[in-house]
Amino acid sequence: MKTVNSLKTPPKVHVASPMLSGVLYAAIWLAVGALVLSALLRWGNLQEDQLPMYSMIVHALASFAGGFVAGKRSSKRGWYYGGFLGAAYGLLILLIGFLASNAGINGRSLTVLAETLACGSLGGMIGVNTRR
């Protein structure tokens, strides 16, 4: 039977897969970035025509953070894990855009895909080198 003292510390949750943990961190960064952009659009002086540029920055930061975590958790081949995460993140964003607003493949969507791939790879390279 467990005593009261053994229940004081909650169990830690650790995601073993570097890809899954990277996707979770990228989703968290995307959610925070979307909230910040929404707040700036509502209460700041951000105009709607500036929103695509800032959304590209949010996607870049989210894929970089996801690649960083994936590279750090993998401890080898950071560019591979980060690049794969960036490509998967970019494809997921394009799929959501297609399903939500019937947006097709155009120059901007290919730019988002290339950007997330490059930022994810860079994040993975930096992440794998911070583990020591």
N, C-alpha and C. Protein backbone atom coordinates (compact mmCIF):
# COMPACT_ATOMS: atom_id res chain seq x y z
N MET A 1 0.84 -1.17 0.00
CA MET A 1 0.00 0.00 0.00
C MET A 1 0.89 1.24 0.00
N LYS A 2 0.49 2.24 -0.74
CA LYS A 2 1.27 3.47 -0.83
C LYS A 2 0.95 4.38 0.34
N THR A 3 1.99 4.97 0.85
CA THR A 3 1.79 5.91 1.95
C THR A 3 1.57 7.30 1.39
N VAL A 4 1.23 8.20 2.26
CA VAL A 4 0.97 9.57 1.85
C VAL A 4 2.25 10.22 1.36
N ASN A 5 3.40 9.90 1.93
CA ASN A 5 4.66 10.52 1.55
C ASN A 5 5.08 10.11 0.14
N SER A 6 4.73 8.91 -0.30
CA SER A 6 5.15 8.47 -1.62
C SER A 6 4.30 9.10 -2.73
N LEU A 7 3.20 9.72 -2.40
CA LEU A 7 2.34 10.34 -3.40
C LEU A 7 2.61 11.83 -3.58
N LYS A 8 3.62 12.37 -2.93
CA LYS A 8 3.89 13.80 -3.00
C LYS A 8 4.41 14.23 -4.37
N THR A 9 5.28 13.47 -4.97
CA THR A 9 5.84 13.86 -6.26
C THR A 9 5.04 13.21 -7.38
N PRO A 10 4.54 14.02 -8.30
CA PRO A 10 3.79 13.44 -9.42
C PRO A 10 4.75 12.75 -10.39
N PRO A 11 4.27 11.75 -11.09
CA PRO A 11 5.15 11.07 -12.04
C PRO A 11 5.46 11.97 -13.23
N LYS A 12 6.69 11.87 -13.74
CA LYS A 12 7.10 12.67 -14.88
C LYS A 12 6.72 11.95 -16.17
N VAL A 13 6.25 12.72 -17.13
CA VAL A 13 5.90 12.17 -18.43
C VAL A 13 7.03 12.48 -19.39
N HIS A 14 7.57 11.45 -20.02
CA HIS A 14 8.67 11.62 -20.97
C HIS A 14 8.29 10.92 -22.27
N VAL A 15 8.26 11.68 -23.35
CA VAL A 15 7.95 11.12 -24.66
C VAL A 15 9.25 10.60 -25.24
N ALA A 16 9.31 9.31 -25.53
CA ALA A 16 10.55 8.69 -25.98
C ALA A 16 10.86 9.01 -27.44
N SER A 17 9.88 9.13 -28.28
CA SER A 17 10.10 9.36 -29.71
C SER A 17 10.53 10.80 -29.96
N PRO A 18 11.66 11.02 -30.64
CA PRO A 18 12.07 12.40 -30.91
C PRO A 18 11.11 13.12 -31.85
N MET A 19 10.52 12.40 -32.79
CA MET A 19 9.59 13.03 -33.73
C MET A 19 8.30 13.47 -33.03
N LEU A 20 7.77 12.60 -32.18
CA LEU A 20 6.53 12.95 -31.49
C LEU A 20 6.74 14.12 -30.53
N SER A 21 7.86 14.11 -29.82
CA SER A 21 8.12 15.24 -28.92
C SER A 21 8.35 16.52 -29.70
N GLY A 22 9.01 16.43 -30.87
CA GLY A 22 9.21 17.62 -31.70
C GLY A 22 7.89 18.17 -32.23
N VAL A 23 6.98 17.29 -32.64
CA VAL A 23 5.69 17.74 -33.14
C VAL A 23 4.89 18.40 -32.02
N LEU A 24 4.97 17.84 -30.81
CA LEU A 24 4.27 18.44 -29.68
C LEU A 24 4.80 19.84 -29.37
N TYR A 25 6.11 19.99 -29.37
CA TYR A 25 6.69 21.31 -29.11
C TYR A 25 6.37 22.29 -30.23
N ALA A 26 6.38 21.82 -31.48
CA ALA A 26 6.04 22.70 -32.60
C ALA A 26 4.58 23.15 -32.49
N ALA A 27 3.70 22.25 -32.07
CA ALA A 27 2.29 22.62 -31.91
C ALA A 27 2.11 23.64 -30.79
N ILE A 28 2.88 23.50 -29.73
CA ILE A 28 2.80 24.46 -28.63
C ILE A 28 3.29 25.84 -29.10
N TRP A 29 4.40 25.88 -29.83
CA TRP A 29 4.92 27.15 -30.35
C TRP A 29 3.95 27.76 -31.34
N LEU A 30 3.31 26.92 -32.16
CA LEU A 30 2.33 27.44 -33.11
C LEU A 30 1.13 28.04 -32.38
N ALA A 31 0.66 27.38 -31.33
CA ALA A 31 -0.47 27.90 -30.58
C ALA A 31 -0.14 29.22 -29.90
N VAL A 32 1.03 29.31 -29.31
CA VAL A 32 1.44 30.56 -28.66
C VAL A 32 1.59 31.68 -29.70
N GLY A 33 2.20 31.35 -30.84
CA GLY A 33 2.35 32.35 -31.89
C GLY A 33 1.02 32.83 -32.44
N ALA A 34 0.07 31.91 -32.59
CA ALA A 34 -1.25 32.30 -33.08
C ALA A 34 -1.96 33.19 -32.07
N LEU A 35 -1.80 32.90 -30.78
CA LEU A 35 -2.40 33.76 -29.77
C LEU A 35 -1.78 35.15 -29.75
N VAL A 36 -0.47 35.22 -29.91
CA VAL A 36 0.21 36.51 -29.94
C VAL A 36 -0.23 37.31 -31.16
N LEU A 37 -0.30 36.65 -32.33
CA LEU A 37 -0.75 37.36 -33.53
C LEU A 37 -2.19 37.81 -33.40
N SER A 38 -3.02 37.00 -32.80
CA SER A 38 -4.42 37.39 -32.60
C SER A 38 -4.54 38.59 -31.67
N ALA A 39 -3.75 38.59 -30.61
CA ALA A 39 -3.77 39.72 -29.67
C ALA A 39 -3.25 40.99 -30.34
N LEU A 40 -2.19 40.87 -31.14
CA LEU A 40 -1.66 42.04 -31.85
C LEU A 40 -2.65 42.54 -32.90
N LEU A 41 -3.35 41.63 -33.52
CA LEU A 41 -4.34 42.04 -34.51
C LEU A 41 -5.52 42.73 -33.86
N ARG A 42 -5.90 42.26 -32.69
CA ARG A 42 -7.06 42.83 -32.00
C ARG A 42 -6.73 44.13 -31.28
N TRP A 43 -5.67 44.11 -30.47
CA TRP A 43 -5.38 45.25 -29.61
C TRP A 43 -4.16 46.06 -30.05
N GLY A 44 -3.37 45.54 -30.94
CA GLY A 44 -2.19 46.26 -31.40
C GLY A 44 -2.47 47.01 -32.68
N ASN A 45 -1.41 47.43 -33.33
CA ASN A 45 -1.57 48.15 -34.59
C ASN A 45 -1.16 47.29 -35.78
N LEU A 46 -1.33 45.97 -35.67
CA LEU A 46 -1.06 45.05 -36.76
C LEU A 46 -2.24 45.06 -37.73
N GLN A 47 -1.94 45.22 -39.01
CA GLN A 47 -2.97 45.25 -40.04
C GLN A 47 -3.13 43.85 -40.64
N GLU A 48 -4.28 43.59 -41.19
CA GLU A 48 -4.55 42.27 -41.77
C GLU A 48 -3.69 41.96 -42.97
N ASP A 49 -3.28 42.96 -43.71
CA ASP A 49 -2.44 42.69 -44.88
C ASP A 49 -1.01 42.32 -44.48
N GLN A 50 -0.60 42.57 -43.24
CA GLN A 50 0.71 42.17 -42.74
C GLN A 50 0.70 40.76 -42.14
N LEU A 51 -0.46 40.18 -41.99
CA LEU A 51 -0.60 38.89 -41.31
C LEU A 51 0.11 37.74 -42.02
N PRO A 52 0.11 37.62 -43.35
CA PRO A 52 0.83 36.50 -43.98
C PRO A 52 2.33 36.49 -43.68
N MET A 53 2.95 37.66 -43.63
CA MET A 53 4.37 37.70 -43.33
C MET A 53 4.64 37.23 -41.90
N TYR A 54 3.83 37.69 -40.96
CA TYR A 54 4.03 37.29 -39.56
C TYR A 54 3.66 35.83 -39.34
N SER A 55 2.72 35.31 -40.09
CA SER A 55 2.39 33.89 -39.94
C SER A 55 3.54 33.02 -40.46
N MET A 56 4.25 33.49 -41.48
CA MET A 56 5.43 32.76 -41.96
C MET A 56 6.51 32.73 -40.88
N ILE A 57 6.65 33.82 -40.15
CA ILE A 57 7.63 33.88 -39.06
C ILE A 57 7.23 32.91 -37.95
N VAL A 58 5.94 32.85 -37.63
CA VAL A 58 5.47 31.92 -36.59
C VAL A 58 5.70 30.47 -37.02
N HIS A 59 5.44 30.15 -38.28
CA HIS A 59 5.68 28.79 -38.77
C HIS A 59 7.17 28.45 -38.74
N ALA A 60 8.01 29.42 -39.08
CA ALA A 60 9.45 29.19 -39.04
C ALA A 60 9.92 28.92 -37.62
N LEU A 61 9.45 29.71 -36.67
CA LEU A 61 9.84 29.52 -35.27
C LEU A 61 9.33 28.19 -34.71
N ALA A 62 8.11 27.82 -35.10
CA ALA A 62 7.54 26.57 -34.60
C ALA A 62 8.30 25.37 -35.16
N SER A 63 8.64 25.39 -36.44
CA SER A 63 9.38 24.26 -37.00
C SER A 63 10.82 24.23 -36.49
N PHE A 64 11.40 25.41 -36.24
CA PHE A 64 12.74 25.45 -35.64
C PHE A 64 12.73 24.84 -34.25
N ALA A 65 11.73 25.21 -33.44
CA ALA A 65 11.64 24.68 -32.08
C ALA A 65 11.39 23.17 -32.10
N GLY A 66 10.51 22.72 -32.98
CA GLY A 66 10.26 21.29 -33.10
C GLY A 66 11.49 20.53 -33.56
N GLY A 67 12.21 21.07 -34.54
CA GLY A 67 13.45 20.45 -34.99
C GLY A 67 14.52 20.44 -33.92
N PHE A 68 14.58 21.51 -33.14
CA PHE A 68 15.54 21.58 -32.04
C PHE A 68 15.29 20.46 -31.03
N VAL A 69 14.04 20.30 -30.64
CA VAL A 69 13.69 19.27 -29.67
C VAL A 69 13.91 17.87 -30.25
N ALA A 70 13.55 17.68 -31.51
CA ALA A 70 13.74 16.38 -32.15
C ALA A 70 15.22 16.04 -32.25
N GLY A 71 16.04 17.01 -32.61
CA GLY A 71 17.48 16.78 -32.68
C GLY A 71 18.10 16.53 -31.33
N LYS A 72 17.65 17.25 -30.34
CA LYS A 72 18.19 17.07 -28.99
C LYS A 72 17.81 15.70 -28.42
N ARG A 73 16.57 15.27 -28.68
CA ARG A 73 16.14 13.96 -28.17
C ARG A 73 16.76 12.80 -28.95
N SER A 74 17.07 13.01 -30.22
CA SER A 74 17.62 11.91 -31.01
C SER A 74 19.10 11.69 -30.71
N SER A 75 19.82 12.73 -30.40
CA SER A 75 21.26 12.74 -30.08
C SER A 75 22.13 12.28 -31.25
N LYS A 76 21.57 12.13 -32.44
CA LYS A 76 22.35 11.83 -33.64
C LYS A 76 21.51 12.22 -34.86
N ARG A 77 22.17 12.57 -35.94
CA ARG A 77 21.51 12.95 -37.20
C ARG A 77 20.44 14.01 -36.98
N GLY A 78 20.80 15.10 -36.38
CA GLY A 78 19.84 16.17 -36.08
C GLY A 78 19.24 16.78 -37.33
N TRP A 79 20.04 16.93 -38.38
CA TRP A 79 19.51 17.50 -39.62
C TRP A 79 18.43 16.60 -40.20
N TYR A 80 18.61 15.29 -40.06
CA TYR A 80 17.65 14.32 -40.60
C TYR A 80 16.33 14.39 -39.84
N TYR A 81 16.41 14.30 -38.51
CA TYR A 81 15.19 14.34 -37.70
C TYR A 81 14.52 15.71 -37.78
N GLY A 82 15.31 16.77 -37.74
CA GLY A 82 14.76 18.12 -37.84
C GLY A 82 14.14 18.39 -39.21
N GLY A 83 14.81 17.94 -40.26
CA GLY A 83 14.28 18.13 -41.61
C GLY A 83 13.01 17.33 -41.84
N PHE A 84 12.99 16.11 -41.33
CA PHE A 84 11.79 15.29 -41.47
C PHE A 84 10.64 15.91 -40.68
N LEU A 85 10.94 16.42 -39.50
CA LEU A 85 9.91 17.08 -38.71
C LEU A 85 9.41 18.34 -39.41
N GLY A 86 10.32 19.13 -39.99
CA GLY A 86 9.92 20.33 -40.70
C GLY A 86 9.05 20.02 -41.91
N ALA A 87 9.40 18.97 -42.64
CA ALA A 87 8.59 18.58 -43.80
C ALA A 87 7.22 18.08 -43.36
N ALA A 88 7.19 17.27 -42.30
CA ALA A 88 5.91 16.78 -41.80
C ALA A 88 5.05 17.92 -41.27
N TYR A 89 5.67 18.86 -40.58
CA TYR A 89 4.95 20.02 -40.06
C TYR A 89 4.39 20.86 -41.22
N GLY A 90 5.22 21.11 -42.23
CA GLY A 90 4.76 21.88 -43.38
C GLY A 90 3.62 21.20 -44.12
N LEU A 91 3.73 19.89 -44.32
CA LEU A 91 2.64 19.16 -44.98
C LEU A 91 1.37 19.17 -44.15
N LEU A 92 1.52 19.08 -42.84
CA LEU A 92 0.35 19.14 -41.96
C LEU A 92 -0.32 20.51 -42.03
N ILE A 93 0.46 21.57 -42.06
CA ILE A 93 -0.09 22.91 -42.17
C ILE A 93 -0.81 23.08 -43.52
N LEU A 94 -0.20 22.57 -44.60
CA LEU A 94 -0.84 22.66 -45.91
C LEU A 94 -2.12 21.84 -45.97
N LEU A 95 -2.12 20.67 -45.33
CA LEU A 95 -3.31 19.83 -45.30
C LEU A 95 -4.44 20.51 -44.52
N ILE A 96 -4.10 21.11 -43.40
CA ILE A 96 -5.11 21.83 -42.61
C ILE A 96 -5.64 23.03 -43.40
N GLY A 97 -4.76 23.74 -44.09
CA GLY A 97 -5.20 24.86 -44.92
C GLY A 97 -6.10 24.42 -46.06
N PHE A 98 -5.80 23.26 -46.64
CA PHE A 98 -6.64 22.74 -47.72
C PHE A 98 -8.01 22.32 -47.20
N LEU A 99 -8.02 21.64 -46.07
CA LEU A 99 -9.29 21.17 -45.54
C LEU A 99 -10.13 22.29 -44.93
N ALA A 100 -9.48 23.30 -44.35
CA ALA A 100 -10.23 24.36 -43.69
C ALA A 100 -10.74 25.41 -44.67
N SER A 101 -9.91 25.79 -45.63
CA SER A 101 -10.32 26.90 -46.50
C SER A 101 -10.19 26.58 -47.98
N ASN A 102 -10.01 25.31 -48.32
CA ASN A 102 -9.92 24.86 -49.69
C ASN A 102 -8.79 25.57 -50.44
N ALA A 103 -7.68 25.81 -49.74
CA ALA A 103 -6.51 26.46 -50.33
C ALA A 103 -5.72 25.42 -51.11
N GLY A 104 -5.41 25.72 -52.34
CA GLY A 104 -4.67 24.80 -53.19
C GLY A 104 -3.17 25.00 -53.07
N ILE A 105 -2.44 24.27 -53.92
CA ILE A 105 -0.99 24.40 -53.96
C ILE A 105 -0.65 25.60 -54.83
N ASN A 106 0.09 26.54 -54.25
CA ASN A 106 0.54 27.72 -54.99
C ASN A 106 1.95 28.06 -54.53
N GLY A 107 2.44 29.19 -54.95
CA GLY A 107 3.80 29.59 -54.61
C GLY A 107 4.00 29.79 -53.12
N ARG A 108 3.00 30.35 -52.46
CA ARG A 108 3.12 30.59 -51.01
C ARG A 108 3.17 29.28 -50.24
N SER A 109 2.38 28.30 -50.64
CA SER A 109 2.38 27.02 -49.93
C SER A 109 3.70 26.28 -50.12
N LEU A 110 4.29 26.39 -51.31
CA LEU A 110 5.61 25.79 -51.52
C LEU A 110 6.69 26.52 -50.74
N THR A 111 6.51 27.84 -50.57
CA THR A 111 7.44 28.61 -49.75
C THR A 111 7.35 28.19 -48.29
N VAL A 112 6.14 27.97 -47.80
CA VAL A 112 5.96 27.50 -46.42
C VAL A 112 6.61 26.14 -46.23
N LEU A 113 6.44 25.26 -47.20
CA LEU A 113 7.03 23.93 -47.11
C LEU A 113 8.55 23.98 -47.10
N ALA A 114 9.13 24.80 -47.98
CA ALA A 114 10.59 24.95 -48.01
C ALA A 114 11.11 25.61 -46.73
N GLU A 115 10.37 26.59 -46.24
CA GLU A 115 10.78 27.29 -45.02
C GLU A 115 10.76 26.37 -43.81
N THR A 116 9.71 25.59 -43.66
CA THR A 116 9.62 24.70 -42.51
C THR A 116 10.67 23.59 -42.58
N LEU A 117 10.96 23.12 -43.81
CA LEU A 117 12.00 22.10 -43.97
C LEU A 117 13.37 22.66 -43.57
N ALA A 118 13.69 23.86 -44.05
CA ALA A 118 14.98 24.46 -43.74
C ALA A 118 15.11 24.81 -42.25
N CYS A 119 14.06 25.39 -41.68
CA CYS A 119 14.12 25.77 -40.26
C CYS A 119 14.14 24.55 -39.35
N GLY A 120 13.42 23.51 -39.72
CA GLY A 120 13.45 22.28 -38.94
C GLY A 120 14.82 21.63 -38.98
N SER A 121 15.45 21.61 -40.16
CA SER A 121 16.81 21.05 -40.28
C SER A 121 17.81 21.85 -39.47
N LEU A 122 17.72 23.17 -39.54
CA LEU A 122 18.63 24.01 -38.76
C LEU A 122 18.43 23.81 -37.27
N GLY A 123 17.17 23.73 -36.84
CA GLY A 123 16.88 23.47 -35.43
C GLY A 123 17.41 22.12 -34.97
N GLY A 124 17.27 21.12 -35.83
CA GLY A 124 17.80 19.79 -35.49
C GLY A 124 19.31 19.77 -35.38
N MET A 125 20.00 20.51 -36.28
CA MET A 125 21.46 20.57 -36.22
C MET A 125 21.93 21.26 -34.94
N ILE A 126 21.24 22.32 -34.57
CA ILE A 126 21.62 23.00 -33.33
C ILE A 126 21.24 22.16 -32.12
N GLY A 127 20.08 21.52 -32.17
CA GLY A 127 19.63 20.72 -31.04
C GLY A 127 20.51 19.52 -30.75
N VAL A 128 21.00 18.85 -31.78
CA VAL A 128 21.83 17.67 -31.55
C VAL A 128 23.20 18.07 -30.97
N ASN A 129 23.64 19.28 -31.23
CA ASN A 129 24.93 19.73 -30.71
C ASN A 129 24.83 20.35 -29.32
N THR A 130 23.64 20.55 -28.78
CA THR A 130 23.52 21.09 -27.43
C THR A 130 23.46 19.99 -26.39
N ARG A 131 23.38 18.76 -26.80
CA ARG A 131 23.27 17.64 -25.85
C ARG A 131 24.66 17.17 -25.47
N ARG A 132 25.11 17.54 -24.30
CA ARG A 132 26.42 17.11 -23.81
C ARG A 132 26.41 17.00 -22.33
